[in-house]
């Protein structure tokens, strides 16, 4: 059964090593985001990605969504420190986000599907939230053989091709599907 990242690891999540992280701008540059969009960072954790997204969405809203309220308290604190008034936090169930159908322009799953019990169900939930022509970005760890130096265990990593097919099965068109960093890949698709 997949495990959820412990709240005790907040400092490591907010200050990851170079090998454990990627530049949020590298993800933002690949998605069809606009400054007035409504975007959900599903599985936001303490907001490592939510804060840069909120800064980009200066006329829009970033929804930090997580199943752990304690993680969202860190998002709120960071938002206050950065003087951002466009972040809303939402406590969710693992495969159920309490938001209306077709209410978002974009959905981001960053390093979260490998922790999900049913990743394809979570992707389907993200699709439900998107408006027609909305976009979805998935960033995950590249599959490897053996014991990884960084990131989740090899057995928890999800094949890029399988996730891309799962998204396309929901009627999405893949805009890009490629390696993002030495350790991660990205899939960007439009509804």
Protein backbone atom coordinates (compact mmCIF):
# COMPACT_ATOMS: atom_id res chain seq x y z
CA UNK A 1 0.00 0.00 0.00
CA UNK A 2 1.41 3.42 -0.93
CA UNK A 3 2.47 5.64 1.93
CA UNK A 4 1.83 9.32 2.40
CA UNK A 5 4.66 11.71 3.12
CA UNK A 6 4.83 12.40 6.84
CA UNK A 7 4.20 15.91 8.11
CA UNK A 8 7.42 15.49 10.13
CA UNK A 9 9.31 15.82 6.83
CA UNK A 10 8.02 19.33 6.06
CA UNK A 11 11.46 20.96 6.26
CA UNK A 12 12.88 18.40 3.82
CA UNK A 13 9.92 18.98 1.49
CA UNK A 14 10.31 22.76 1.59
CA UNK A 15 14.11 22.64 1.27
CA UNK A 16 14.86 19.63 -0.92
CA UNK A 17 18.31 18.80 -2.22
CA UNK A 18 19.08 19.53 -5.86
CA UNK A 19 18.63 15.86 -6.74
CA UNK A 20 15.22 15.74 -5.04
CA UNK A 21 13.78 18.83 -6.65
CA UNK A 22 13.15 20.58 -9.92
CA UNK A 23 12.78 24.25 -10.69
CA UNK A 24 9.04 25.05 -10.54
CA UNK A 25 9.56 27.45 -13.45
CA UNK A 26 10.60 24.51 -15.65
CA UNK A 27 7.15 22.98 -15.09
CA UNK A 28 5.29 26.28 -15.40
CA UNK A 29 7.04 27.01 -18.72
CA UNK A 30 5.64 23.80 -20.22
CA UNK A 31 1.97 24.24 -19.30
CA UNK A 32 -0.59 26.48 -21.04
CA UNK A 33 -1.08 28.59 -17.92
CA UNK A 34 -2.38 32.16 -17.91
CA UNK A 35 -2.15 34.71 -15.11
CA UNK A 36 -5.94 34.67 -14.57
CA UNK A 37 -6.36 30.88 -14.38
CA UNK A 38 -7.75 28.86 -11.50
CA UNK A 39 -5.28 26.03 -10.88
CA UNK A 40 -5.25 23.22 -8.30
CA UNK A 41 -2.01 21.76 -6.97
CA UNK A 42 -3.41 18.38 -5.92
CA UNK A 43 -1.27 16.69 -3.30
CA UNK A 44 0.35 20.03 -2.55
CA UNK A 45 2.09 18.97 0.62
CA UNK A 46 3.51 22.07 2.34
CA UNK A 47 3.30 24.14 -0.85
CA UNK A 48 6.71 23.80 -2.46
CA UNK A 49 4.99 24.17 -5.87
CA UNK A 50 1.81 26.00 -4.80
CA UNK A 51 3.67 29.20 -3.89
CA UNK A 52 5.42 29.61 -7.30
CA UNK A 53 2.14 28.81 -9.08
CA UNK A 54 0.30 31.41 -6.98
CA UNK A 55 2.96 34.01 -7.81
CA UNK A 56 2.43 33.32 -11.51
CA UNK A 57 -1.37 33.51 -11.11
CA UNK A 58 -1.36 37.12 -9.97
CA UNK A 59 -4.89 37.62 -11.38
CA UNK A 60 -6.04 34.05 -10.71
CA UNK A 61 -6.23 31.56 -7.86
CA UNK A 62 -4.08 28.64 -6.76
CA UNK A 63 -5.87 25.93 -4.80
CA UNK A 64 -3.50 23.91 -2.63
CA UNK A 65 -5.24 20.56 -2.13
CA UNK A 66 -4.01 17.91 0.29
CA UNK A 67 -5.39 15.16 2.51
CA UNK A 68 -3.32 16.40 5.47
CA UNK A 69 -4.56 19.60 7.10
CA UNK A 70 -1.15 20.05 8.76
CA UNK A 71 0.50 20.31 5.34
CA UNK A 72 -1.97 22.99 4.28
CA UNK A 73 -1.17 25.05 7.38
CA UNK A 74 2.37 25.34 6.01
CA UNK A 75 0.98 26.51 2.65
CA UNK A 76 -1.04 29.20 4.41
CA UNK A 77 2.00 30.35 6.42
CA UNK A 78 4.15 30.56 3.28
CA UNK A 79 1.40 32.43 1.45
CA UNK A 80 1.26 35.02 4.23
CA UNK A 81 5.04 35.39 4.27
CA UNK A 82 5.03 35.92 0.49
CA UNK A 83 2.05 38.32 0.81
CA UNK A 84 -0.05 36.23 -1.56
CA UNK A 85 -3.80 36.63 -1.29
CA UNK A 86 -4.68 34.22 -4.08
CA UNK A 87 -4.04 30.87 -2.39
CA UNK A 88 -6.90 28.81 -1.06
CA UNK A 89 -6.31 25.58 0.81
CA UNK A 90 -8.66 22.61 0.53
CA UNK A 91 -8.61 19.44 2.61
CA UNK A 92 -9.58 16.51 0.40
CA UNK A 93 -10.06 12.79 0.57
CA UNK A 94 -7.50 10.77 -1.37
CA UNK A 95 -9.59 10.38 -4.54
CA UNK A 96 -12.20 13.05 -3.96
CA UNK A 97 -11.63 16.81 -4.14
CA UNK A 98 -14.51 18.90 -2.77
CA UNK A 99 -14.76 21.26 -5.73
CA UNK A 100 -17.36 21.69 -8.48
CA UNK A 101 -17.16 19.94 -11.84
CA UNK A 102 -15.43 21.96 -14.56
CA UNK A 103 -14.36 24.71 -12.14
CA UNK A 104 -10.64 24.81 -12.94
CA UNK A 105 -8.41 25.83 -15.84
CA UNK A 106 -5.50 23.65 -14.72
CA UNK A 107 -4.62 20.74 -12.44
CA UNK A 108 -1.13 19.75 -11.31
CA UNK A 109 -0.09 16.39 -9.85
CA UNK A 110 3.54 16.76 -8.80
CA UNK A 111 5.24 13.79 -7.14
CA UNK A 112 1.90 12.62 -5.72
CA UNK A 113 0.57 9.84 -7.95
CA UNK A 114 3.28 7.47 -6.73
CA UNK A 115 1.78 7.86 -3.22
CA UNK A 116 -1.83 7.30 -4.32
CA UNK A 117 -3.64 4.03 -3.71
CA UNK A 118 -5.39 4.39 -7.07
CA UNK A 119 -3.48 6.86 -9.28
CA UNK A 120 -5.81 6.48 -12.27
CA UNK A 121 -8.82 7.29 -10.06
CA UNK A 122 -7.06 10.42 -8.85
CA UNK A 123 -6.29 11.44 -12.45
CA UNK A 124 -9.98 10.94 -13.29
CA UNK A 125 -10.92 13.18 -10.35
CA UNK A 126 -8.58 15.86 -11.69
CA UNK A 127 -10.22 15.56 -15.11
CA UNK A 128 -13.66 16.07 -13.52
CA UNK A 129 -12.51 19.41 -12.11
CA UNK A 130 -11.28 20.78 -15.44
CA UNK A 131 -13.21 23.05 -17.76
CA UNK A 132 -13.37 22.14 -21.43
CA UNK A 133 -9.92 22.87 -22.87
CA UNK A 134 -8.43 22.81 -19.36
CA UNK A 135 -4.93 21.39 -18.89
CA UNK A 136 -3.34 18.79 -16.66
CA UNK A 137 0.32 18.46 -15.70
CA UNK A 138 1.80 15.34 -14.14
CA UNK A 139 5.35 15.30 -12.79
CA UNK A 140 6.59 11.94 -11.54
CA UNK A 141 9.79 10.03 -10.82
CA UNK A 142 11.41 8.14 -13.68
CA UNK A 143 11.27 4.37 -13.26
CA UNK A 144 14.64 2.83 -12.45
CA UNK A 145 16.06 -0.57 -11.67
CA UNK A 146 17.59 -1.21 -8.29
CA UNK A 147 17.60 0.98 -5.22
CA UNK A 148 17.20 4.67 -6.06
CA UNK A 149 19.56 7.28 -4.63
CA UNK A 150 16.70 9.78 -4.30
CA UNK A 151 12.92 9.66 -4.39
CA UNK A 152 10.49 6.82 -3.81
CA UNK A 153 11.31 3.14 -4.02
CA UNK A 154 11.57 1.70 -7.53
CA UNK A 155 8.40 -0.32 -6.91
CA UNK A 156 6.35 2.87 -6.32
CA UNK A 157 7.43 4.67 -9.48
CA UNK A 158 4.90 4.88 -12.29
CA UNK A 159 5.72 4.31 -15.94
CA UNK A 160 5.37 7.45 -18.03
CA UNK A 161 3.70 5.60 -20.91
CA UNK A 162 1.04 4.12 -18.60
CA UNK A 163 0.12 7.50 -17.13
CA UNK A 164 0.05 9.12 -20.56
CA UNK A 165 -2.32 6.41 -21.80
CA UNK A 166 -4.52 6.82 -18.70
CA UNK A 167 -4.84 10.55 -19.42
CA UNK A 168 -5.54 10.00 -23.12
CA UNK A 169 -8.18 7.38 -22.28
CA UNK A 170 -10.08 10.20 -20.52
CA UNK A 171 -10.17 12.14 -23.80
CA UNK A 172 -7.13 14.35 -23.27
CA UNK A 173 -4.63 15.27 -25.96
CA UNK A 174 -1.00 15.06 -24.91
CA UNK A 175 0.84 18.33 -25.47
CA UNK A 176 4.19 17.07 -24.19
CA UNK A 177 5.53 13.94 -22.54
CA UNK A 178 9.25 14.05 -21.81
CA UNK A 179 12.01 13.94 -19.26
CA UNK A 180 11.98 17.05 -17.08
CA UNK A 181 15.09 16.44 -14.94
CA UNK A 182 17.59 13.58 -14.55
CA UNK A 183 15.11 11.99 -12.10
CA UNK A 184 11.66 13.07 -13.31
CA UNK A 185 9.36 13.22 -16.31
CA UNK A 186 6.44 15.49 -17.14
CA UNK A 187 3.21 14.90 -19.03
CA UNK A 188 1.12 17.91 -20.06
CA UNK A 189 -2.28 17.29 -21.64
CA UNK A 190 -5.34 19.31 -22.63
CA UNK A 191 -8.97 18.28 -22.15
